Amino acid sequence: MDFSKIIKEHGSAVRKVIKSVTNEQNEDLEQEVYLRVYKNSDKYQATGSFKSWICTIARNISKDYLKSAHYRMEQPVNDDENNIINSIKDKKNNPENEFTKKLRQKRIIEAINHLKPKFKEVIIWAEIEGLSYDEIATKINVPLGTVKSRLYNAKKELANELSDLL
């Protein structure tokens, strides 16, 4: 396996998955993904796409990280339903920036949740999970053109609803 090629081709997708699960960029987790891919390369079966396999590894490592004692010690104790939004770290520790960012993220999440279910699923799989159009079409058993159309319409609705944020 040529790991420089793997990192070049799939690095962006791995980072997106880590960011979507942990709400932070984490190079240590990214390295752990590639280490796990190296250790388990003999277990990869070419029946599915390599990108899906590596993204699944990234998702599992990210979830394990969130469950770890190290992560829990770093996080403030907060039982609020917006725990995810409250725990997102901003490089600028400015209260105004943090408040604005939280409001923005909340609006985006609400806008996604208000989409029709068929639009919501394709936007999540394409933009958050990093799946290709072909992978999404296979997953939901619809033609490729339908996936493209739904994604276009979902983005159009989000752009309309969030026009003041753009």
N, C-alpha and C. Protein backbone atom coordinates (compact mmCIF):
# COMPACT_ATOMS: atom_id res chain seq x y z
N MET A 1 0.83 -1.18 0.00
CA MET A 1 0.00 0.00 0.00
C MET A 1 0.87 1.25 0.00
N ASP A 2 0.52 2.18 -0.84
CA ASP A 2 1.23 3.44 -0.93
C ASP A 2 0.49 4.46 -0.06
N PHE A 3 1.04 4.70 1.16
CA PHE A 3 0.33 5.54 2.11
C PHE A 3 0.32 7.01 1.74
N SER A 4 1.32 7.47 1.04
CA SER A 4 1.28 8.87 0.62
C SER A 4 0.12 9.07 -0.35
N LYS A 5 -0.15 8.08 -1.19
CA LYS A 5 -1.28 8.15 -2.12
C LYS A 5 -2.61 8.07 -1.35
N ILE A 6 -2.68 7.20 -0.36
CA ILE A 6 -3.89 7.04 0.44
C ILE A 6 -4.20 8.35 1.17
N ILE A 7 -3.17 8.94 1.77
CA ILE A 7 -3.36 10.19 2.51
C ILE A 7 -3.78 11.31 1.56
N LYS A 8 -3.15 11.35 0.39
CA LYS A 8 -3.47 12.39 -0.58
C LYS A 8 -4.92 12.25 -1.08
N GLU A 9 -5.35 11.02 -1.36
CA GLU A 9 -6.67 10.78 -1.92
C GLU A 9 -7.79 10.83 -0.88
N HIS A 10 -7.50 10.40 0.36
CA HIS A 10 -8.56 10.24 1.35
C HIS A 10 -8.39 11.13 2.58
N GLY A 11 -7.34 11.92 2.63
CA GLY A 11 -7.08 12.76 3.80
C GLY A 11 -8.20 13.72 4.10
N SER A 12 -8.73 14.33 3.07
CA SER A 12 -9.82 15.29 3.25
C SER A 12 -11.05 14.61 3.84
N ALA A 13 -11.40 13.45 3.33
CA ALA A 13 -12.57 12.72 3.83
C ALA A 13 -12.36 12.30 5.28
N VAL A 14 -11.15 11.85 5.60
CA VAL A 14 -10.84 11.43 6.97
C VAL A 14 -10.97 12.62 7.92
N ARG A 15 -10.44 13.77 7.53
CA ARG A 15 -10.53 14.96 8.36
C ARG A 15 -11.99 15.39 8.55
N LYS A 16 -12.80 15.29 7.49
CA LYS A 16 -14.22 15.65 7.58
C LYS A 16 -14.95 14.75 8.58
N VAL A 17 -14.66 13.46 8.52
CA VAL A 17 -15.32 12.52 9.43
C VAL A 17 -14.92 12.83 10.86
N ILE A 18 -13.63 13.03 11.10
CA ILE A 18 -13.15 13.33 12.45
C ILE A 18 -13.80 14.62 12.95
N LYS A 19 -13.84 15.62 12.11
CA LYS A 19 -14.44 16.92 12.48
C LYS A 19 -15.93 16.76 12.76
N SER A 20 -16.64 15.97 11.95
CA SER A 20 -18.08 15.81 12.14
C SER A 20 -18.40 15.07 13.44
N VAL A 21 -17.54 14.14 13.84
CA VAL A 21 -17.81 13.38 15.06
C VAL A 21 -17.33 14.12 16.30
N THR A 22 -16.13 14.71 16.25
CA THR A 22 -15.54 15.31 17.44
C THR A 22 -15.69 16.82 17.51
N ASN A 23 -16.10 17.43 16.41
CA ASN A 23 -16.21 18.89 16.31
C ASN A 23 -14.87 19.59 16.49
N GLU A 24 -13.81 18.93 16.13
CA GLU A 24 -12.49 19.55 16.18
C GLU A 24 -11.56 18.88 15.18
N GLN A 25 -10.56 19.63 14.75
CA GLN A 25 -9.51 19.03 13.92
C GLN A 25 -8.56 18.34 14.88
N ASN A 26 -8.22 17.10 14.63
CA ASN A 26 -7.37 16.36 15.55
C ASN A 26 -6.40 15.52 14.75
N GLU A 27 -5.17 16.00 14.65
CA GLU A 27 -4.15 15.31 13.87
C GLU A 27 -3.77 13.97 14.49
N ASP A 28 -3.85 13.87 15.82
CA ASP A 28 -3.55 12.60 16.48
C ASP A 28 -4.53 11.51 16.03
N LEU A 29 -5.80 11.87 15.95
CA LEU A 29 -6.79 10.90 15.49
C LEU A 29 -6.57 10.53 14.04
N GLU A 30 -6.20 11.54 13.25
CA GLU A 30 -5.92 11.28 11.83
C GLU A 30 -4.77 10.29 11.69
N GLN A 31 -3.72 10.49 12.47
CA GLN A 31 -2.59 9.55 12.44
C GLN A 31 -3.02 8.16 12.89
N GLU A 32 -3.88 8.11 13.90
CA GLU A 32 -4.38 6.82 14.39
C GLU A 32 -5.15 6.08 13.30
N VAL A 33 -5.89 6.83 12.49
CA VAL A 33 -6.64 6.23 11.38
C VAL A 33 -5.67 5.55 10.42
N TYR A 34 -4.62 6.26 10.02
CA TYR A 34 -3.68 5.69 9.06
C TYR A 34 -2.90 4.52 9.65
N LEU A 35 -2.63 4.59 10.94
CA LEU A 35 -1.97 3.47 11.61
C LEU A 35 -2.87 2.24 11.61
N ARG A 36 -4.15 2.45 11.89
CA ARG A 36 -5.10 1.34 11.90
C ARG A 36 -5.27 0.77 10.48
N VAL A 37 -5.28 1.64 9.47
CA VAL A 37 -5.39 1.18 8.08
C VAL A 37 -4.18 0.31 7.75
N TYR A 38 -3.00 0.75 8.18
CA TYR A 38 -1.77 -0.02 7.92
C TYR A 38 -1.84 -1.38 8.60
N LYS A 39 -2.24 -1.39 9.87
CA LYS A 39 -2.29 -2.64 10.62
C LYS A 39 -3.34 -3.61 10.09
N ASN A 40 -4.44 -3.06 9.53
CA ASN A 40 -5.54 -3.91 9.10
C ASN A 40 -5.70 -3.98 7.58
N SER A 41 -4.67 -3.58 6.86
CA SER A 41 -4.78 -3.56 5.40
C SER A 41 -5.06 -4.95 4.82
N ASP A 42 -4.61 -5.98 5.50
CA ASP A 42 -4.86 -7.34 5.02
C ASP A 42 -6.33 -7.74 5.21
N LYS A 43 -7.06 -7.03 6.06
CA LYS A 43 -8.46 -7.35 6.32
C LYS A 43 -9.42 -6.64 5.38
N TYR A 44 -8.90 -5.67 4.62
CA TYR A 44 -9.76 -4.93 3.69
C TYR A 44 -10.21 -5.86 2.57
N GLN A 45 -11.52 -5.88 2.35
CA GLN A 45 -12.09 -6.68 1.27
C GLN A 45 -12.58 -5.73 0.20
N ALA A 46 -12.20 -5.95 -1.02
CA ALA A 46 -12.51 -5.04 -2.12
C ALA A 46 -13.98 -5.08 -2.54
N THR A 47 -14.84 -5.65 -1.71
CA THR A 47 -16.26 -5.68 -2.06
C THR A 47 -16.90 -4.31 -1.92
N GLY A 48 -16.37 -3.48 -1.01
CA GLY A 48 -16.87 -2.12 -0.83
C GLY A 48 -15.80 -1.14 -1.25
N SER A 49 -16.13 0.14 -1.23
CA SER A 49 -15.14 1.14 -1.63
C SER A 49 -14.13 1.35 -0.51
N PHE A 50 -12.91 1.64 -0.90
CA PHE A 50 -11.84 1.89 0.07
C PHE A 50 -12.16 3.13 0.89
N LYS A 51 -12.74 4.13 0.25
CA LYS A 51 -13.07 5.37 0.93
C LYS A 51 -14.07 5.10 2.07
N SER A 52 -15.06 4.28 1.81
CA SER A 52 -16.03 3.95 2.85
C SER A 52 -15.35 3.22 4.00
N TRP A 53 -14.44 2.33 3.67
CA TRP A 53 -13.72 1.55 4.68
C TRP A 53 -12.89 2.48 5.57
N ILE A 54 -12.13 3.37 4.96
CA ILE A 54 -11.26 4.26 5.73
C ILE A 54 -12.09 5.27 6.53
N CYS A 55 -13.23 5.70 5.98
CA CYS A 55 -14.11 6.62 6.71
C CYS A 55 -14.77 5.93 7.90
N THR A 56 -15.08 4.66 7.75
CA THR A 56 -15.63 3.89 8.87
C THR A 56 -14.60 3.78 9.99
N ILE A 57 -13.36 3.53 9.61
CA ILE A 57 -12.28 3.48 10.60
C ILE A 57 -12.16 4.83 11.31
N ALA A 58 -12.18 5.91 10.54
CA ALA A 58 -12.07 7.25 11.12
C ALA A 58 -13.24 7.52 12.08
N ARG A 59 -14.44 7.13 11.68
CA ARG A 59 -15.61 7.34 12.52
C ARG A 59 -15.48 6.56 13.83
N ASN A 60 -15.06 5.30 13.74
CA ASN A 60 -14.93 4.47 14.94
C ASN A 60 -13.85 5.01 15.88
N ILE A 61 -12.73 5.43 15.32
CA ILE A 61 -11.66 5.99 16.15
C ILE A 61 -12.13 7.28 16.81
N SER A 62 -12.86 8.09 16.09
CA SER A 62 -13.38 9.34 16.65
C SER A 62 -14.36 9.07 17.78
N LYS A 63 -15.23 8.09 17.59
CA LYS A 63 -16.19 7.74 18.63
C LYS A 63 -15.46 7.20 19.86
N ASP A 64 -14.44 6.38 19.64
CA ASP A 64 -13.65 5.86 20.76
C ASP A 64 -12.98 6.99 21.53
N TYR A 65 -12.50 7.98 20.78
CA TYR A 65 -11.86 9.14 21.40
C TYR A 65 -12.86 9.87 22.30
N LEU A 66 -14.09 10.05 21.83
CA LEU A 66 -15.09 10.73 22.63
C LEU A 66 -15.45 9.94 23.89
N LYS A 67 -15.32 8.63 23.83
CA LYS A 67 -15.62 7.79 24.99
C LYS A 67 -14.46 7.72 25.97
N SER A 68 -13.28 8.12 25.53
CA SER A 68 -12.08 7.93 26.34
C SER A 68 -12.06 8.82 27.58
N ALA A 69 -11.36 8.39 28.59
CA ALA A 69 -11.22 9.15 29.83
C ALA A 69 -10.49 10.46 29.57
N HIS A 70 -9.51 10.45 28.70
CA HIS A 70 -8.74 11.65 28.37
C HIS A 70 -9.67 12.74 27.85
N TYR A 71 -10.54 12.40 26.94
CA TYR A 71 -11.46 13.38 26.37
C TYR A 71 -12.42 13.91 27.44
N ARG A 72 -12.96 13.01 28.24
CA ARG A 72 -13.92 13.42 29.27
C ARG A 72 -13.29 14.36 30.29
N MET A 73 -12.01 14.16 30.58
CA MET A 73 -11.33 15.04 31.53
C MET A 73 -11.14 16.44 30.95
N GLU A 74 -10.96 16.53 29.64
CA GLU A 74 -10.76 17.83 29.00
C GLU A 74 -12.06 18.61 28.89
N GLN A 75 -13.18 17.93 28.81
CA GLN A 75 -14.46 18.58 28.56
C GLN A 75 -15.11 19.05 29.85
N PRO A 76 -15.73 20.22 29.80
CA PRO A 76 -16.47 20.69 30.98
C PRO A 76 -17.73 19.83 31.18
N VAL A 77 -18.13 19.66 32.42
CA VAL A 77 -19.33 18.90 32.72
C VAL A 77 -20.52 19.78 32.37
N ASN A 78 -21.36 19.27 31.47
CA ASN A 78 -22.50 20.05 31.01
C ASN A 78 -23.60 19.11 30.55
N ASP A 79 -24.73 19.14 31.21
CA ASP A 79 -25.84 18.26 30.85
C ASP A 79 -26.82 18.93 29.90
N ASP A 80 -26.49 20.11 29.44
CA ASP A 80 -27.36 20.85 28.54
C ASP A 80 -27.53 20.08 27.23
N GLU A 81 -28.71 20.19 26.62
CA GLU A 81 -28.97 19.49 25.36
C GLU A 81 -28.08 20.00 24.23
N ASN A 82 -27.50 21.17 24.40
CA ASN A 82 -26.60 21.73 23.38
C ASN A 82 -25.14 21.47 23.73
N ASN A 83 -24.86 20.37 24.38
CA ASN A 83 -23.51 20.05 24.83
C ASN A 83 -22.50 20.08 23.68
N ILE A 84 -22.88 19.57 22.54
CA ILE A 84 -21.97 19.54 21.40
C ILE A 84 -21.61 20.96 20.98
N ILE A 85 -22.59 21.80 20.85
CA ILE A 85 -22.34 23.18 20.43
C ILE A 85 -21.50 23.90 21.47
N ASN A 86 -21.78 23.68 22.74
CA ASN A 86 -21.05 24.37 23.80
C ASN A 86 -19.60 23.92 23.93
N SER A 87 -19.30 22.70 23.49
CA SER A 87 -17.94 22.19 23.66
C SER A 87 -17.04 22.47 22.47
N ILE A 88 -17.56 23.06 21.42
CA ILE A 88 -16.75 23.36 20.25
C ILE A 88 -15.75 24.45 20.62
N LYS A 89 -14.48 24.19 20.31
CA LYS A 89 -13.42 25.13 20.67
C LYS A 89 -13.19 26.11 19.53
N ASP A 90 -13.04 27.36 19.88
CA ASP A 90 -12.76 28.40 18.91
C ASP A 90 -11.32 28.87 19.13
N LYS A 91 -10.60 29.09 18.06
CA LYS A 91 -9.21 29.52 18.17
C LYS A 91 -9.11 30.89 18.83
N LYS A 92 -10.11 31.71 18.64
CA LYS A 92 -10.14 33.03 19.26
C LYS A 92 -11.04 32.93 20.49
N ASN A 93 -10.45 32.99 21.66
CA ASN A 93 -11.24 32.87 22.88
C ASN A 93 -11.91 34.19 23.22
N ASN A 94 -12.70 34.64 22.30
CA ASN A 94 -13.44 35.87 22.45
C ASN A 94 -14.90 35.48 22.69
N PRO A 95 -15.49 35.89 23.80
CA PRO A 95 -16.87 35.49 24.10
C PRO A 95 -17.86 35.87 23.00
N GLU A 96 -17.66 37.00 22.39
CA GLU A 96 -18.57 37.41 21.32
C GLU A 96 -18.47 36.47 20.12
N ASN A 97 -17.23 36.11 19.75
CA ASN A 97 -17.04 35.18 18.64
C ASN A 97 -17.62 33.81 18.96
N GLU A 98 -17.43 33.36 20.18
CA GLU A 98 -17.97 32.06 20.58
C GLU A 98 -19.50 32.06 20.52
N PHE A 99 -20.10 33.12 21.01
CA PHE A 99 -21.56 33.23 20.99
C PHE A 99 -22.09 33.24 19.56
N THR A 100 -21.45 34.03 18.71
CA THR A 100 -21.86 34.13 17.30
C THR A 100 -21.71 32.78 16.61
N LYS A 101 -20.62 32.12 16.87
CA LYS A 101 -20.37 30.81 16.25
C LYS A 101 -21.42 29.79 16.69
N LYS A 102 -21.76 29.80 17.97
CA LYS A 102 -22.76 28.86 18.48
C LYS A 102 -24.13 29.11 17.85
N LEU A 103 -24.49 30.38 17.74
CA LEU A 103 -25.77 30.72 17.11
C LEU A 103 -25.80 30.26 15.66
N ARG A 104 -24.70 30.50 14.98
CA ARG A 104 -24.57 30.12 13.57
C ARG A 104 -24.71 28.61 13.39
N GLN A 105 -23.99 27.86 14.22
CA GLN A 105 -24.04 26.40 14.14
C GLN A 105 -25.43 25.87 14.47
N LYS A 106 -26.06 26.49 15.45
CA LYS A 106 -27.41 26.06 15.82
C LYS A 106 -28.37 26.30 14.67
N ARG A 107 -28.25 27.45 14.00
CA ARG A 107 -29.11 27.76 12.86
C ARG A 107 -28.89 26.78 11.72
N ILE A 108 -27.63 26.41 11.48
CA ILE A 108 -27.33 25.46 10.40
C ILE A 108 -27.93 24.09 10.72
N ILE A 109 -27.76 23.65 11.96
CA ILE A 109 -28.31 22.35 12.37
C ILE A 109 -29.83 22.37 12.24
N GLU A 110 -30.46 23.46 12.69
CA GLU A 110 -31.91 23.57 12.58
C GLU A 110 -32.36 23.57 11.12
N ALA A 111 -31.61 24.26 10.27
CA ALA A 111 -31.95 24.31 8.84
C ALA A 111 -31.86 22.92 8.22
N ILE A 112 -30.83 22.18 8.57
CA ILE A 112 -30.69 20.81 8.05
C ILE A 112 -31.83 19.95 8.56
N ASN A 113 -32.17 20.10 9.82
CA ASN A 113 -33.26 19.31 10.40
C ASN A 113 -34.62 19.64 9.79
N HIS A 114 -34.78 20.84 9.22
CA HIS A 114 -36.05 21.22 8.60
C HIS A 114 -36.16 20.76 7.14
N LEU A 115 -35.08 20.23 6.60
CA LEU A 115 -35.14 19.74 5.22
C LEU A 115 -36.05 18.52 5.14
N LYS A 116 -36.57 18.27 3.95
CA LYS A 116 -37.31 17.03 3.72
C LYS A 116 -36.35 15.87 3.99
N PRO A 117 -36.85 14.76 4.52
CA PRO A 117 -35.97 13.63 4.86
C PRO A 117 -35.07 13.18 3.71
N LYS A 118 -35.60 13.15 2.48
CA LYS A 118 -34.79 12.69 1.35
C LYS A 118 -33.66 13.67 1.05
N PHE A 119 -33.87 14.97 1.31
CA PHE A 119 -32.81 15.96 1.11
C PHE A 119 -31.82 15.90 2.27
N LYS A 120 -32.34 15.75 3.47
CA LYS A 120 -31.51 15.71 4.68
C LYS A 120 -30.49 14.57 4.61
N GLU A 121 -30.95 13.38 4.19
CA GLU A 121 -30.03 12.24 4.17
C GLU A 121 -28.91 12.43 3.15
N VAL A 122 -29.20 12.99 1.98
CA VAL A 122 -28.13 13.15 1.00
C VAL A 122 -27.16 14.26 1.40
N ILE A 123 -27.65 15.30 2.03
CA ILE A 123 -26.75 16.39 2.44
C ILE A 123 -25.83 15.90 3.56
N ILE A 124 -26.34 15.10 4.46
CA ILE A 124 -25.51 14.57 5.55
C ILE A 124 -24.48 13.60 5.00
N TRP A 125 -24.90 12.70 4.12
CA TRP A 125 -23.94 11.72 3.59
C TRP A 125 -22.89 12.38 2.70
N ALA A 126 -23.28 13.37 1.92
CA ALA A 126 -22.32 13.99 1.01
C ALA A 126 -21.40 14.98 1.73
N GLU A 127 -21.97 15.86 2.53
CA GLU A 127 -21.19 16.95 3.11
C GLU A 127 -20.57 16.63 4.46
N ILE A 128 -21.21 15.78 5.24
CA ILE A 128 -20.68 15.47 6.57
C ILE A 128 -19.92 14.16 6.57
N GLU A 129 -20.51 13.13 5.96
CA GLU A 129 -19.86 11.82 5.93
C GLU A 129 -18.83 11.71 4.81
N GLY A 130 -18.94 12.57 3.81
CA GLY A 130 -17.96 12.58 2.73
C GLY A 130 -18.13 11.47 1.71
N LEU A 131 -19.33 10.91 1.60
CA LEU A 131 -19.56 9.85 0.63
C LEU A 131 -19.67 10.43 -0.78
N SER A 132 -19.29 9.65 -1.76
CA SER A 132 -19.42 10.08 -3.15
C SER A 132 -20.88 9.92 -3.59
N TYR A 133 -21.21 10.56 -4.70
CA TYR A 133 -22.57 10.45 -5.23
C TYR A 133 -22.91 8.98 -5.53
N ASP A 134 -21.95 8.25 -6.09
CA ASP A 134 -22.18 6.84 -6.40
C ASP A 134 -22.47 6.02 -5.13
N GLU A 135 -21.71 6.29 -4.07
CA GLU A 135 -21.92 5.57 -2.82
C GLU A 135 -23.30 5.87 -2.24
N ILE A 136 -23.71 7.12 -2.33
CA ILE A 136 -25.03 7.50 -1.82
C ILE A 136 -26.12 6.83 -2.65
N ALA A 137 -25.97 6.85 -3.97
CA ALA A 137 -26.96 6.22 -4.85
C ALA A 137 -27.11 4.74 -4.52
N THR A 138 -26.01 4.08 -4.27
CA THR A 138 -26.05 2.66 -3.92
C THR A 138 -26.72 2.46 -2.56
N LYS A 139 -26.38 3.32 -1.60
CA LYS A 139 -26.92 3.21 -0.25
C LYS A 139 -28.44 3.36 -0.21
N ILE A 140 -28.97 4.34 -0.96
CA ILE A 140 -30.41 4.60 -0.89
C ILE A 140 -31.16 4.02 -2.09
N ASN A 141 -30.42 3.32 -2.96
CA ASN A 141 -31.00 2.58 -4.08
C ASN A 141 -31.81 3.48 -5.02
N VAL A 142 -31.16 4.56 -5.45
CA VAL A 142 -31.77 5.46 -6.43
C VAL A 142 -30.73 5.76 -7.51
N PRO A 143 -31.17 6.23 -8.68
CA PRO A 143 -30.21 6.56 -9.73
C PRO A 143 -29.30 7.72 -9.32
N LEU A 144 -28.13 7.78 -9.93
CA LEU A 144 -27.14 8.81 -9.65
C LEU A 144 -27.72 10.20 -9.87
N GLY A 145 -28.50 10.38 -10.92
CA GLY A 145 -29.12 11.67 -11.21
C GLY A 145 -30.05 12.14 -10.10
N THR A 146 -30.71 11.19 -9.47
CA THR A 146 -31.61 11.52 -8.36
C THR A 146 -30.82 12.06 -7.17
N VAL A 147 -29.68 11.43 -6.91
CA VAL A 147 -28.82 11.89 -5.82
C VAL A 147 -28.35 13.32 -6.10
N LYS A 148 -27.90 13.56 -7.33
CA LYS A 148 -27.42 14.89 -7.70
C LYS A 148 -28.53 15.92 -7.57
N SER A 149 -29.72 15.57 -8.02
CA SER A 149 -30.86 16.46 -7.96
C SER A 149 -31.23 16.78 -6.51
N ARG A 150 -31.29 15.76 -5.68
CA ARG A 150 -31.65 15.96 -4.28
C ARG A 150 -30.60 16.82 -3.57
N LEU A 151 -29.34 16.57 -3.87
CA LEU A 151 -28.27 17.35 -3.25
C LEU A 151 -28.36 18.82 -3.69
N TYR A 152 -28.61 19.03 -4.97
CA TYR A 152 -28.76 20.39 -5.49
C TYR A 152 -29.91 21.11 -4.79
N ASN A 153 -31.05 20.43 -4.70
CA ASN A 153 -32.23 21.03 -4.07
C ASN A 153 -32.02 21.27 -2.58
N ALA A 154 -31.32 20.35 -1.91
CA ALA A 154 -31.04 20.52 -0.48
C ALA A 154 -30.16 21.75 -0.26
N LYS A 155 -29.12 21.90 -1.09
CA LYS A 155 -28.22 23.05 -0.96
C LYS A 155 -28.96 24.35 -1.28
N LYS A 156 -29.84 24.29 -2.25
CA LYS A 156 -30.62 25.46 -2.63
C LYS A 156 -31.53 25.89 -1.48
N GLU A 157 -32.21 24.93 -0.84
CA GLU A 157 -33.07 25.25 0.29
C GLU A 157 -32.27 25.80 1.46
N LEU A 158 -31.10 25.19 1.73
CA LEU A 158 -30.26 25.68 2.82
C LEU A 158 -29.75 27.09 2.53
N ALA A 159 -29.37 27.35 1.29
CA ALA A 159 -28.89 28.67 0.92
C ALA A 159 -29.99 29.72 1.10
N ASN A 160 -31.22 29.36 0.75
CA ASN A 160 -32.34 30.29 0.92
C ASN A 160 -32.61 30.55 2.40
N GLU A 161 -32.62 29.48 3.18
CA GLU A 161 -32.93 29.62 4.60
C GLU A 161 -31.81 30.31 5.38
N LEU A 162 -30.59 30.13 4.93
CA LEU A 162 -29.44 30.68 5.64
C LEU A 162 -28.78 31.83 4.89
N SER A 163 -29.51 32.49 4.01
CA SER A 163 -28.93 33.54 3.16
C SER A 163 -28.27 34.65 3.98
N ASP A 164 -28.79 34.95 5.15
CA ASP A 164 -28.18 36.00 5.96
C ASP A 164 -26.83 35.59 6.55
N LEU A 165 -26.55 34.30 6.60
CA LEU A 165 -25.26 33.83 7.12
C LEU A 165 -24.19 33.78 6.05
N LEU A 166 -24.60 33.77 4.78
CA LEU A 166 -23.64 33.62 3.70
C LEU A 166 -22.90 34.91 3.40
